[in-house]
C-alpha atoms as a PDB file:
ATOM      1  CA  MET A   1       1.981  14.072 -16.307  1.00  0.00           C
ATOM      2  CA  SER A   2       0.484  10.617 -15.939  1.00  0.00           C
ATOM      3  CA  ASP A   3      -0.880   9.420 -12.634  1.00  0.00           C
ATOM      4  CA  LYS A   4       1.189   7.223 -10.367  1.00  0.00           C
ATOM      5  CA  TRP A   5      -0.472   4.668  -8.140  1.00  0.00           C
ATOM      6  CA  TYR A   6       1.331   3.238  -5.121  1.00  0.00           C
ATOM      7  CA  VAL A   7       0.772  -0.099  -3.427  1.00  0.00           C
ATOM      8  CA  ILE A   8       1.992   0.385   0.124  1.00  0.00           C
ATOM      9  CA  LYS A   9       2.597  -2.215   2.826  1.00  0.00           C
ATOM     10  CA  VAL A  10       1.327  -0.654   6.032  1.00  0.00           C
ATOM     11  CA  SER A  11       3.687  -1.009   8.995  1.00  0.00           C
ATOM     12  CA  GLU A  12       2.447  -2.817  12.101  1.00  0.00           C
ATOM     13  CA  LYS A  13       2.721   0.406  14.118  1.00  0.00           C
ATOM     14  CA  ASN A  14       0.766   2.417  11.535  1.00  0.00           C
ATOM     15  CA  ARG A  15      -1.848  -0.328  11.255  1.00  0.00           C
ATOM     16  CA  GLU A  16      -2.406  -0.273  15.020  1.00  0.00           C
ATOM     17  CA  LYS A  17      -2.854   3.510  15.053  1.00  0.00           C
ATOM     18  CA  ASN A  18      -4.444   4.478  11.745  1.00  0.00           C
ATOM     19  CA  ILE A  19      -5.312   1.655   9.365  1.00  0.00           C
ATOM     20  CA  PRO A  20      -6.421  -1.322  11.462  1.00  0.00           C
ATOM     21  CA  ASN A  21      -7.991  -3.452   8.734  1.00  0.00           C
ATOM     22  CA  ASP A  22      -5.505  -3.284   5.876  1.00  0.00           C
ATOM     23  CA  SER A  23      -2.030  -4.710   5.462  1.00  0.00           C
ATOM     24  CA  TYR A  24      -1.758  -3.077   2.037  1.00  0.00           C
ATOM     25  CA  VAL A  25      -3.281   0.121   0.656  1.00  0.00           C
ATOM     26  CA  VAL A  26      -3.452   1.746  -2.768  1.00  0.00           C
ATOM     27  CA  MET A  27      -2.833   5.480  -2.940  1.00  0.00           C
ATOM     28  CA  LYS A  28      -2.617   7.927  -5.799  1.00  0.00           C
ATOM     29  CA  TYR A  29       0.607   9.938  -5.850  1.00  0.00           C
ATOM     30  CA  ARG A  30       0.533  13.356  -4.225  1.00  0.00           C
ATOM     31  CA  ALA A  31       3.302  15.703  -3.221  1.00  0.00           C
ATOM     32  CA  GLY A  32       5.016  14.469  -0.088  1.00  0.00           C
ATOM     33  CA  LEU A  33       3.682  10.908  -0.309  1.00  0.00           C
ATOM     34  CA  GLU A  34       7.139   9.307  -0.200  1.00  0.00           C
ATOM     35  CA  THR A  35       7.996  11.318   2.908  1.00  0.00           C
ATOM     36  CA  THR A  36       4.751  10.253   4.567  1.00  0.00           C
ATOM     37  CA  ILE A  37       5.411   6.610   3.720  1.00  0.00           C
ATOM     38  CA  THR A  38       8.877   6.828   5.272  1.00  0.00           C
ATOM     39  CA  CYS A  39       7.696   8.713   8.374  1.00  0.00           C
ATOM     40  CA  TYR A  40       5.076   6.072   9.163  1.00  0.00           C
ATOM     41  CA  GLY A  41       7.506   3.218   8.573  1.00  0.00           C
ATOM     42  CA  ASP A  42       5.484   1.865   5.660  1.00  0.00           C
ATOM     43  CA  THR A  43       7.013   0.264   2.556  1.00  0.00           C
ATOM     44  CA  THR A  44       6.350   0.979  -1.105  1.00  0.00           C
ATOM     45  CA  VAL A  45       5.692  -2.321  -2.876  1.00  0.00           C
ATOM     46  CA  LEU A  46       4.785  -1.064  -6.358  1.00  0.00           C
ATOM     47  CA  ILE A  47       4.497   2.189  -8.312  1.00  0.00           C
ATOM     48  CA  THR A  48       2.453   1.961 -11.496  1.00  0.00           C
ATOM     49  CA  PRO A  49       0.573   4.301 -13.847  1.00  0.00           C
ATOM     50  CA  SER A  50      -2.407   1.919 -13.708  1.00  0.00           C
ATOM     51  CA  LYS A  51      -4.934   2.005 -10.889  1.00  0.00           C
ATOM     52  CA  GLU A  52      -6.204  -1.399 -12.027  1.00  0.00           C
ATOM     53  CA  ILE A  53      -2.752  -2.979 -11.716  1.00  0.00           C
ATOM     54  CA  ALA A  54      -2.313  -1.422  -8.276  1.00  0.00           C
ATOM     55  CA  GLU A  55      -5.695  -2.730  -7.111  1.00  0.00           C
ATOM     56  CA  SER A  56      -5.116  -6.227  -8.492  1.00  0.00           C
ATOM     57  CA  THR A  57      -1.660  -6.349  -6.882  1.00  0.00           C
ATOM     58  CA  LYS A  58      -3.164  -5.328  -3.530  1.00  0.00           C
ATOM     59  CA  ARG A  59      -5.819  -8.043  -3.829  1.00  0.00           C
ATOM     60  CA  ALA A  60      -3.162 -10.659  -4.669  1.00  0.00           C
ATOM     61  CA  LEU A  61      -0.994  -9.621  -1.721  1.00  0.00           C
ATOM     62  CA  ASP A  62      -3.991  -9.652   0.643  1.00  0.00           C
ATOM     63  CA  GLU A  63      -4.930 -13.131  -0.616  1.00  0.00           C
ATOM     64  CA  GLN A  64      -1.363 -14.348  -0.108  1.00  0.00           C
ATOM     65  CA  LEU A  65      -1.428 -13.074   3.500  1.00  0.00           C
ATOM     66  CA  ARG A  66      -4.810 -14.700   4.076  1.00  0.00           C
ATOM     67  CA  LYS A  67      -3.478 -18.052   2.853  1.00  0.00           C
ATOM     68  CA  GLN A  68      -0.370 -17.754   5.016  1.00  0.00           C
ATOM     69  CA  GLY A  69      -2.572 -17.094   8.032  1.00  0.00           C
ATOM     70  CA  ASN A  70      -4.464 -20.352   7.593  1.00  0.00           C
END
């Protein structure tokens, strides 16, 4: 089975409690990941077999947020 990499938009509530510095995170698939994402109110943005694509997507989304904040 090939790896699956997730780009996840972290919910405001989850960011306040657990991940204060990131609006988006990249995670490798593991059993129960979708349930965890749902429980924390996060949103799956992308699922890809490529870690590089996941990382570049995260960087692009972070840059877009940074530009919107200015």
